[in-house]
């Protein structure tokens, strides 16, 4: 684990000074370097596992988006209610001043 952290720091340091270094799949490369190619295969998901994870994440994003929309609608409803209360209070104040 310590070697993995060191390698990650090393890659990130190189990438910060060399824009040609691609950090995509850095964890897989580090595992391969630290444990060897045979051991790294057990840590890499199969294509079907990766697709299932992508689908799970898409579903989670969709659910979060729906929740966010619901929250926005609720906030807008409360805002409109408060705006109406404010208008009503202003009208009452005007009436009181006119009396």
N, C-alpha and C. Protein backbone atom coordinates (compact mmCIF):
# COMPACT_ATOMS: atom_id res chain seq x y z
N UNK A 1 0.83 -1.19 0.00
CA UNK A 1 0.00 0.00 0.00
C UNK A 1 0.88 1.25 0.00
N UNK A 2 1.92 1.20 0.76
CA UNK A 2 2.84 2.35 0.83
C UNK A 2 3.50 2.59 -0.53
N UNK A 3 3.88 1.49 -1.20
CA UNK A 3 4.50 1.63 -2.53
C UNK A 3 3.52 2.26 -3.51
N UNK A 4 2.26 1.88 -3.39
CA UNK A 4 1.23 2.44 -4.27
C UNK A 4 1.11 3.95 -4.07
N UNK A 5 1.13 4.37 -2.82
CA UNK A 5 1.03 5.80 -2.52
C UNK A 5 2.24 6.55 -3.08
N UNK A 6 3.42 5.94 -2.92
CA UNK A 6 4.63 6.57 -3.44
C UNK A 6 4.59 6.69 -4.95
N UNK A 7 4.15 5.62 -5.63
CA UNK A 7 4.07 5.64 -7.09
C UNK A 7 3.06 6.68 -7.56
N UNK A 8 1.94 6.77 -6.86
CA UNK A 8 0.92 7.75 -7.25
C UNK A 8 1.48 9.16 -7.12
N UNK A 9 2.16 9.44 -6.03
CA UNK A 9 2.77 10.75 -5.83
C UNK A 9 3.80 11.02 -6.93
N UNK A 10 4.55 9.99 -7.28
CA UNK A 10 5.56 10.13 -8.33
C UNK A 10 4.90 10.47 -9.67
N UNK A 11 3.85 9.74 -10.04
CA UNK A 11 3.15 10.02 -11.29
C UNK A 11 2.56 11.43 -11.29
N UNK A 12 1.96 11.83 -10.18
CA UNK A 12 1.35 13.15 -10.10
C UNK A 12 2.40 14.26 -10.21
N UNK A 13 3.56 14.03 -9.61
CA UNK A 13 4.64 15.02 -9.70
C UNK A 13 5.12 15.15 -11.14
N UNK A 14 5.26 14.02 -11.81
CA UNK A 14 5.69 14.06 -13.21
C UNK A 14 4.64 14.76 -14.07
N UNK A 15 3.37 14.41 -13.84
CA UNK A 15 2.28 15.00 -14.64
C UNK A 15 2.17 16.50 -14.43
N UNK A 16 2.53 16.98 -13.24
CA UNK A 16 2.41 18.42 -12.98
C UNK A 16 3.44 19.23 -13.76
N UNK A 17 4.53 18.59 -14.17
CA UNK A 17 5.57 19.29 -14.92
C UNK A 17 5.62 18.88 -16.39
N UNK A 18 4.99 17.76 -16.73
CA UNK A 18 5.05 17.25 -18.10
C UNK A 18 3.63 17.00 -18.59
N UNK A 19 3.13 17.88 -19.45
CA UNK A 19 1.74 17.77 -19.91
C UNK A 19 1.51 16.58 -20.82
N UNK A 20 2.57 15.94 -21.30
CA UNK A 20 2.39 14.77 -22.16
C UNK A 20 2.06 13.51 -21.37
N UNK A 21 2.22 13.57 -20.05
CA UNK A 21 1.91 12.41 -19.21
C UNK A 21 0.41 12.37 -18.98
N UNK A 22 -0.16 11.22 -19.30
CA UNK A 22 -1.60 11.01 -19.15
C UNK A 22 -1.86 10.23 -17.86
N UNK A 23 -2.63 10.81 -16.97
CA UNK A 23 -2.90 10.16 -15.69
C UNK A 23 -4.13 9.25 -15.72
N UNK A 24 -4.69 9.07 -16.92
CA UNK A 24 -5.85 8.20 -17.04
C UNK A 24 -5.47 6.77 -16.64
N UNK A 25 -6.31 6.14 -15.89
CA UNK A 25 -6.07 4.77 -15.41
C UNK A 25 -4.79 4.66 -14.58
N UNK A 26 -4.46 5.72 -13.87
CA UNK A 26 -3.23 5.73 -13.08
C UNK A 26 -3.21 4.61 -12.04
N UNK A 27 -4.36 4.37 -11.41
CA UNK A 27 -4.41 3.32 -10.38
C UNK A 27 -4.09 1.95 -10.96
N UNK A 28 -4.62 1.65 -12.14
CA UNK A 28 -4.33 0.36 -12.76
C UNK A 28 -2.85 0.24 -13.11
N UNK A 29 -2.27 1.33 -13.61
CA UNK A 29 -0.84 1.29 -13.94
C UNK A 29 0.01 1.08 -12.69
N UNK A 30 -0.37 1.75 -11.61
CA UNK A 30 0.39 1.62 -10.37
C UNK A 30 0.28 0.20 -9.83
N UNK A 31 -0.91 -0.36 -9.83
CA UNK A 31 -1.09 -1.73 -9.35
C UNK A 31 -0.23 -2.68 -10.18
N UNK A 32 -0.23 -2.47 -11.49
CA UNK A 32 0.59 -3.32 -12.36
C UNK A 32 2.07 -3.19 -12.01
N UNK A 33 2.52 -1.96 -11.79
CA UNK A 33 3.93 -1.75 -11.44
C UNK A 33 4.28 -2.34 -10.09
N UNK A 34 3.41 -2.15 -9.11
CA UNK A 34 3.72 -2.58 -7.75
C UNK A 34 3.57 -4.09 -7.58
N UNK A 35 2.49 -4.66 -8.12
CA UNK A 35 2.21 -6.07 -7.90
C UNK A 35 2.59 -6.97 -9.07
N UNK A 36 2.83 -6.39 -10.22
CA UNK A 36 3.13 -7.18 -11.40
C UNK A 36 1.88 -7.41 -12.21
N UNK A 37 2.03 -7.72 -13.50
CA UNK A 37 0.87 -7.83 -14.38
C UNK A 37 -0.10 -8.95 -14.00
N UNK A 38 0.39 -10.07 -13.46
CA UNK A 38 -0.49 -11.18 -13.11
C UNK A 38 -1.41 -10.78 -11.95
N UNK A 39 -0.83 -10.15 -10.94
CA UNK A 39 -1.61 -9.77 -9.77
C UNK A 39 -2.58 -8.65 -10.09
N UNK A 40 -2.21 -7.77 -11.00
CA UNK A 40 -3.07 -6.62 -11.27
C UNK A 40 -4.37 -7.04 -11.95
N UNK A 41 -4.37 -8.17 -12.64
CA UNK A 41 -5.58 -8.62 -13.33
C UNK A 41 -6.72 -8.87 -12.35
N UNK A 42 -6.41 -9.33 -11.16
CA UNK A 42 -7.47 -9.60 -10.21
C UNK A 42 -8.11 -8.32 -9.67
N UNK A 43 -7.43 -7.18 -9.80
CA UNK A 43 -7.97 -5.92 -9.32
C UNK A 43 -8.75 -5.17 -10.39
N UNK A 44 -8.55 -5.55 -11.64
CA UNK A 44 -9.24 -4.87 -12.73
C UNK A 44 -10.58 -5.56 -12.97
N UNK A 45 -11.64 -4.77 -13.04
CA UNK A 45 -12.95 -5.38 -13.26
C UNK A 45 -13.09 -5.90 -14.68
N UNK A 46 -13.92 -6.92 -14.84
CA UNK A 46 -14.21 -7.42 -16.18
C UNK A 46 -15.06 -6.38 -16.90
N UNK A 47 -15.20 -6.56 -18.20
CA UNK A 47 -15.99 -5.60 -18.98
C UNK A 47 -17.44 -5.56 -18.49
N UNK A 48 -18.00 -6.72 -18.19
CA UNK A 48 -19.39 -6.75 -17.73
C UNK A 48 -19.52 -6.09 -16.35
N UNK A 49 -18.51 -6.28 -15.48
CA UNK A 49 -18.53 -5.62 -14.18
C UNK A 49 -18.43 -4.11 -14.36
N UNK A 50 -17.57 -3.69 -15.27
CA UNK A 50 -17.41 -2.26 -15.52
C UNK A 50 -18.70 -1.67 -16.08
N UNK A 51 -19.35 -2.39 -17.00
CA UNK A 51 -20.61 -1.90 -17.56
C UNK A 51 -21.69 -1.83 -16.49
N UNK A 52 -21.73 -2.83 -15.62
CA UNK A 52 -22.72 -2.83 -14.53
C UNK A 52 -22.47 -1.64 -13.60
N UNK A 53 -21.20 -1.37 -13.32
CA UNK A 53 -20.86 -0.23 -12.44
C UNK A 53 -21.23 1.08 -13.11
N UNK A 54 -20.97 1.20 -14.41
CA UNK A 54 -21.34 2.41 -15.15
C UNK A 54 -22.85 2.59 -15.10
N UNK A 55 -23.60 1.52 -15.31
CA UNK A 55 -25.05 1.61 -15.27
C UNK A 55 -25.53 2.00 -13.87
N UNK A 56 -24.92 1.41 -12.85
CA UNK A 56 -25.28 1.74 -11.47
C UNK A 56 -25.05 3.23 -11.21
N UNK A 57 -23.92 3.73 -11.67
CA UNK A 57 -23.60 5.14 -11.48
C UNK A 57 -24.55 6.05 -12.27
N UNK A 58 -24.91 5.63 -13.48
CA UNK A 58 -25.88 6.41 -14.26
C UNK A 58 -27.23 6.46 -13.56
N UNK A 59 -27.65 5.31 -13.03
CA UNK A 59 -28.91 5.28 -12.28
C UNK A 59 -28.85 6.19 -11.06
N UNK A 60 -27.71 6.15 -10.38
CA UNK A 60 -27.53 6.99 -9.20
C UNK A 60 -27.56 8.48 -9.59
N UNK A 61 -26.94 8.83 -10.69
CA UNK A 61 -26.95 10.21 -11.16
C UNK A 61 -28.37 10.64 -11.50
N UNK A 62 -29.11 9.77 -12.20
CA UNK A 62 -30.50 10.09 -12.56
C UNK A 62 -31.34 10.30 -11.31
N UNK A 63 -31.14 9.46 -10.33
CA UNK A 63 -31.89 9.59 -9.08
C UNK A 63 -31.53 10.91 -8.38
N UNK A 64 -30.26 11.26 -8.38
CA UNK A 64 -29.83 12.51 -7.76
C UNK A 64 -30.41 13.71 -8.51
N UNK A 65 -30.47 13.61 -9.84
CA UNK A 65 -31.03 14.70 -10.63
C UNK A 65 -32.51 14.89 -10.31
N UNK A 66 -33.23 13.77 -10.20
CA UNK A 66 -34.65 13.86 -9.88
C UNK A 66 -34.85 14.47 -8.49
N UNK A 67 -34.03 14.06 -7.56
CA UNK A 67 -34.12 14.60 -6.21
C UNK A 67 -33.82 16.09 -6.21
N UNK A 68 -32.83 16.49 -6.98
CA UNK A 68 -32.46 17.90 -7.06
C UNK A 68 -33.60 18.72 -7.66
N UNK A 69 -34.23 18.20 -8.71
CA UNK A 69 -35.35 18.90 -9.33
C UNK A 69 -36.49 19.04 -8.32
N UNK A 70 -36.77 17.98 -7.58
CA UNK A 70 -37.82 18.04 -6.56
C UNK A 70 -37.50 19.10 -5.50
N UNK A 71 -36.25 19.16 -5.10
CA UNK A 71 -35.84 20.16 -4.11
C UNK A 71 -35.98 21.57 -4.67
N UNK A 72 -35.63 21.76 -5.92
CA UNK A 72 -35.74 23.08 -6.56
C UNK A 72 -37.20 23.50 -6.61
N UNK A 73 -38.07 22.59 -7.00
CA UNK A 73 -39.50 22.89 -7.07
C UNK A 73 -40.02 23.28 -5.69
N UNK A 74 -39.61 22.56 -4.67
CA UNK A 74 -40.05 22.86 -3.31
C UNK A 74 -39.55 24.24 -2.86
N UNK A 75 -38.30 24.55 -3.16
CA UNK A 75 -37.75 25.86 -2.79
C UNK A 75 -38.49 26.97 -3.54
N UNK A 76 -38.78 26.75 -4.81
CA UNK A 76 -39.53 27.76 -5.57
C UNK A 76 -40.93 27.96 -4.98
N UNK A 77 -41.58 26.88 -4.60
CA UNK A 77 -42.91 26.98 -4.00
C UNK A 77 -42.85 27.79 -2.71
N UNK A 78 -41.86 27.51 -1.86
CA UNK A 78 -41.70 28.26 -0.61
C UNK A 78 -41.38 29.73 -0.89
N UNK A 79 -40.55 29.98 -1.87
CA UNK A 79 -40.20 31.35 -2.24
C UNK A 79 -41.44 32.13 -2.68
N UNK A 80 -42.24 31.51 -3.54
CA UNK A 80 -43.46 32.16 -4.01
C UNK A 80 -44.42 32.43 -2.85
N UNK A 81 -44.51 31.50 -1.93
CA UNK A 81 -45.36 31.69 -0.75
C UNK A 81 -44.86 32.87 0.08
N UNK A 82 -43.55 32.94 0.29
CA UNK A 82 -42.98 34.06 1.05
C UNK A 82 -43.17 35.39 0.32
N UNK A 83 -43.03 35.37 -0.99
CA UNK A 83 -43.25 36.59 -1.77
C UNK A 83 -44.70 37.07 -1.60
N UNK A 84 -45.63 36.12 -1.63
CA UNK A 84 -47.03 36.49 -1.45
C UNK A 84 -47.27 37.06 -0.06
N UNK A 85 -46.66 36.45 0.95
CA UNK A 85 -46.78 36.97 2.31
C UNK A 85 -46.22 38.39 2.41
N UNK A 86 -45.11 38.62 1.77
CA UNK A 86 -44.49 39.94 1.77
C UNK A 86 -45.40 40.98 1.11
N UNK A 87 -46.00 40.63 -0.03
CA UNK A 87 -46.92 41.54 -0.70
C UNK A 87 -48.11 41.86 0.20
N UNK A 88 -48.63 40.83 0.85
CA UNK A 88 -49.77 41.03 1.74
C UNK A 88 -49.39 41.96 2.90
N UNK A 89 -48.24 41.76 3.50
CA UNK A 89 -47.79 42.60 4.61
C UNK A 89 -47.55 44.04 4.15
N UNK A 90 -47.03 44.22 2.97
CA UNK A 90 -46.81 45.58 2.44
C UNK A 90 -48.15 46.29 2.23
N UNK A 91 -49.11 45.54 1.70
CA UNK A 91 -50.43 46.14 1.50
C UNK A 91 -51.05 46.55 2.84
N UNK A 92 -50.89 45.71 3.84
CA UNK A 92 -51.42 46.03 5.16
C UNK A 92 -50.74 47.26 5.74
N UNK A 93 -49.44 47.37 5.56
CA UNK A 93 -48.71 48.55 6.04
C UNK A 93 -49.19 49.82 5.34
N UNK A 94 -49.41 49.75 4.04
CA UNK A 94 -49.89 50.92 3.29
C UNK A 94 -51.26 51.35 3.81
N UNK A 95 -52.12 50.39 4.06
CA UNK A 95 -53.45 50.70 4.57
C UNK A 95 -53.36 51.37 5.93
N UNK A 96 -52.47 50.85 6.78
CA UNK A 96 -52.30 51.42 8.13
C UNK A 96 -51.80 52.86 8.03
N UNK A 97 -50.90 53.12 7.12
CA UNK A 97 -50.34 54.48 6.96
C UNK A 97 -51.41 55.45 6.44
N UNK A 98 -52.31 54.96 5.61
CA UNK A 98 -53.34 55.81 5.02
C UNK A 98 -54.41 56.18 6.06
N UNK A 99 -54.54 55.41 7.08
CA UNK A 99 -55.59 55.66 8.10
C UNK A 99 -55.20 56.72 9.06
